[in-house]
Structure formats: C-alpha cells, structure tokens
C-alpha cells in the first residue's frame, strides 16, 4: 500500500546586504511590510507586461 507523504512549506523573504544573503521568515513581517512588498511586486509585474503607471494627477483628472 502507498503511504501518504506530508509536506511542510516554509516561506522566506530574501534580501541581499553587501553581497550577503539574508532570509526572514514570512511570520516575522508586519502587515504593513507585506502590503508594501505586494504593491511593489504588482507594479513590477504590470511593468513587465508593458503597462506604465499613471501619475496621481492624471488619475484625478480622469475622474
């Protein structure tokens, strides 16, 4: 009979400081830090897809 394998997944934030890799477990990030990271990654993904960010003045004028 086949036995089930259980997995544990750990998520780390990785940064480099003076060429040294530093890891920080996801649980140690504050909600504000997680939101900032998510916003930055979303902007990077949109730029990679060819979109450019609008200036706040352009957004206000469009409304």
N, C-alpha and C. Protein backbone atom coordinates (compact mmCIF):
# COMPACT_ATOMS: atom_id res chain seq x y z
N UNK A 1 0.83 -1.18 0.00
CA UNK A 1 0.00 0.00 0.00
C UNK A 1 0.87 1.25 0.00
N UNK A 2 0.40 2.26 -0.71
CA UNK A 2 1.15 3.50 -0.79
C UNK A 2 0.89 4.36 0.44
N UNK A 3 1.97 4.85 1.04
CA UNK A 3 1.84 5.67 2.24
C UNK A 3 1.86 7.15 1.84
N UNK A 4 1.00 7.94 2.47
CA UNK A 4 0.94 9.37 2.17
C UNK A 4 2.17 10.07 2.71
N UNK A 5 2.64 11.06 1.95
CA UNK A 5 3.76 11.88 2.37
C UNK A 5 3.21 13.23 2.79
N UNK A 6 3.64 13.72 3.94
CA UNK A 6 3.19 15.03 4.41
C UNK A 6 4.31 16.04 4.16
N UNK A 7 3.90 17.23 3.76
CA UNK A 7 4.84 18.29 3.43
C UNK A 7 4.65 19.48 4.37
N UNK A 8 5.73 20.15 4.66
CA UNK A 8 5.69 21.41 5.37
C UNK A 8 6.33 22.45 4.46
N UNK A 9 5.62 23.53 4.21
CA UNK A 9 6.14 24.57 3.32
C UNK A 9 6.48 25.79 4.16
N UNK A 10 7.71 26.26 4.02
CA UNK A 10 8.16 27.46 4.72
C UNK A 10 8.41 28.55 3.68
N UNK A 11 8.01 29.77 3.99
CA UNK A 11 8.19 30.89 3.08
C UNK A 11 9.14 31.88 3.72
N UNK A 12 10.14 32.30 2.95
CA UNK A 12 11.13 33.25 3.44
C UNK A 12 11.20 34.44 2.50
N UNK A 13 11.41 35.61 3.08
CA UNK A 13 11.75 36.78 2.30
C UNK A 13 13.26 36.82 2.22
N UNK A 14 13.79 37.04 1.03
CA UNK A 14 15.24 37.03 0.84
C UNK A 14 15.68 38.41 0.38
N UNK A 15 16.72 38.92 1.02
CA UNK A 15 17.32 40.18 0.60
C UNK A 15 18.84 40.01 0.61
N UNK A 16 19.51 40.90 -0.07
CA UNK A 16 20.97 40.86 -0.11
C UNK A 16 21.50 42.16 0.43
N UNK A 17 22.42 42.06 1.38
CA UNK A 17 23.03 43.23 2.00
C UNK A 17 24.53 43.06 1.91
N UNK A 18 25.18 43.91 1.13
CA UNK A 18 26.64 43.84 0.93
C UNK A 18 27.06 42.46 0.44
N UNK A 19 26.26 41.90 -0.46
CA UNK A 19 26.59 40.60 -1.04
C UNK A 19 26.26 39.40 -0.18
N UNK A 20 25.69 39.64 0.99
CA UNK A 20 25.33 38.55 1.90
C UNK A 20 23.83 38.29 1.81
N UNK A 21 23.47 37.03 1.62
CA UNK A 21 22.05 36.66 1.55
C UNK A 21 21.47 36.63 2.96
N UNK A 22 20.34 37.33 3.13
CA UNK A 22 19.65 37.35 4.42
C UNK A 22 18.23 36.85 4.22
N UNK A 23 17.81 35.92 5.06
CA UNK A 23 16.47 35.35 4.97
C UNK A 23 15.66 35.77 6.20
N UNK A 24 14.38 36.05 5.97
CA UNK A 24 13.49 36.43 7.06
C UNK A 24 12.20 35.63 6.88
N UNK A 25 11.80 34.84 7.88
CA UNK A 25 10.56 34.06 7.76
C UNK A 25 9.36 34.98 7.56
N UNK A 26 8.41 34.51 6.78
CA UNK A 26 7.22 35.30 6.47
C UNK A 26 6.48 35.74 7.73
N UNK A 27 6.50 34.91 8.76
CA UNK A 27 5.78 35.22 10.00
C UNK A 27 6.33 36.46 10.70
N UNK A 28 7.58 36.84 10.40
CA UNK A 28 8.20 37.99 11.08
C UNK A 28 7.90 39.32 10.41
N UNK A 29 7.25 39.31 9.25
CA UNK A 29 6.90 40.55 8.57
C UNK A 29 5.63 41.14 9.17
N UNK A 30 5.57 42.46 9.26
CA UNK A 30 4.36 43.13 9.74
C UNK A 30 3.37 43.22 8.58
N UNK A 31 2.08 43.42 8.87
CA UNK A 31 1.11 43.58 7.79
C UNK A 31 1.46 44.74 6.84
N UNK A 32 2.02 45.82 7.39
CA UNK A 32 2.42 46.95 6.54
C UNK A 32 3.53 46.54 5.58
N UNK A 33 4.52 45.81 6.08
CA UNK A 33 5.62 45.36 5.23
C UNK A 33 5.11 44.44 4.12
N UNK A 34 4.20 43.54 4.46
CA UNK A 34 3.65 42.63 3.46
C UNK A 34 2.88 43.40 2.39
N UNK A 35 2.13 44.44 2.79
CA UNK A 35 1.39 45.25 1.82
C UNK A 35 2.34 46.00 0.90
N UNK A 36 3.41 46.56 1.46
CA UNK A 36 4.39 47.28 0.64
C UNK A 36 5.05 46.34 -0.37
N UNK A 37 5.40 45.15 0.07
CA UNK A 37 6.02 44.17 -0.83
C UNK A 37 5.05 43.78 -1.94
N UNK A 38 3.79 43.53 -1.57
CA UNK A 38 2.78 43.15 -2.56
C UNK A 38 2.56 44.26 -3.58
N UNK A 39 2.48 45.51 -3.11
CA UNK A 39 2.30 46.64 -4.02
C UNK A 39 3.47 46.75 -4.99
N UNK A 40 4.69 46.63 -4.47
CA UNK A 40 5.89 46.72 -5.31
C UNK A 40 5.92 45.60 -6.35
N UNK A 41 5.61 44.37 -5.92
CA UNK A 41 5.62 43.23 -6.85
C UNK A 41 4.53 43.37 -7.91
N UNK A 42 3.36 43.90 -7.53
CA UNK A 42 2.29 44.13 -8.51
C UNK A 42 2.72 45.15 -9.56
N UNK A 43 3.37 46.24 -9.12
CA UNK A 43 3.86 47.24 -10.08
C UNK A 43 4.90 46.64 -11.01
N UNK A 44 5.82 45.82 -10.46
CA UNK A 44 6.84 45.18 -11.28
C UNK A 44 6.20 44.25 -12.32
N UNK A 45 5.18 43.51 -11.92
CA UNK A 45 4.51 42.59 -12.84
C UNK A 45 3.79 43.37 -13.95
N UNK A 46 3.14 44.47 -13.59
CA UNK A 46 2.46 45.28 -14.60
C UNK A 46 3.46 45.90 -15.58
N UNK A 47 4.60 46.38 -15.08
CA UNK A 47 5.62 46.93 -15.95
C UNK A 47 6.16 45.86 -16.89
N UNK A 48 6.37 44.66 -16.38
CA UNK A 48 6.87 43.56 -17.21
C UNK A 48 5.87 43.21 -18.31
N UNK A 49 4.58 43.44 -18.04
CA UNK A 49 3.54 43.16 -19.03
C UNK A 49 3.35 44.32 -20.01
N UNK A 50 4.09 45.41 -19.81
CA UNK A 50 4.03 46.52 -20.75
C UNK A 50 3.18 47.70 -20.30
N UNK A 51 2.65 47.66 -19.10
CA UNK A 51 1.84 48.76 -18.60
C UNK A 51 2.75 49.79 -17.92
N UNK A 52 2.33 51.05 -17.97
CA UNK A 52 3.07 52.10 -17.27
C UNK A 52 2.15 52.72 -16.23
N UNK A 53 2.72 53.14 -15.13
CA UNK A 53 1.94 53.72 -14.04
C UNK A 53 1.51 55.14 -14.41
N UNK A 54 0.28 55.47 -14.08
CA UNK A 54 -0.23 56.82 -14.30
C UNK A 54 0.12 57.68 -13.10
N UNK A 55 0.35 58.94 -13.35
CA UNK A 55 0.63 59.88 -12.27
C UNK A 55 -0.68 60.16 -11.52
N UNK A 56 -0.61 60.43 -10.21
CA UNK A 56 -1.84 60.71 -9.44
C UNK A 56 -2.67 61.86 -10.04
N UNK A 57 -2.00 62.87 -10.63
CA UNK A 57 -2.73 63.98 -11.23
C UNK A 57 -3.56 63.50 -12.43
N UNK A 58 -3.01 62.56 -13.21
CA UNK A 58 -3.75 62.04 -14.36
C UNK A 58 -4.97 61.24 -13.91
N UNK A 59 -4.83 60.51 -12.83
CA UNK A 59 -5.94 59.72 -12.31
C UNK A 59 -7.05 60.64 -11.83
N UNK A 60 -6.67 61.70 -11.09
CA UNK A 60 -7.66 62.65 -10.57
C UNK A 60 -8.37 63.37 -11.72
N UNK A 61 -7.64 63.71 -12.77
CA UNK A 61 -8.24 64.41 -13.91
C UNK A 61 -9.20 63.51 -14.67
N UNK A 62 -8.95 62.22 -14.68
CA UNK A 62 -9.80 61.28 -15.41
C UNK A 62 -11.12 61.04 -14.70
N UNK A 63 -11.19 61.35 -13.42
CA UNK A 63 -12.41 61.08 -12.66
C UNK A 63 -13.39 62.18 -12.81
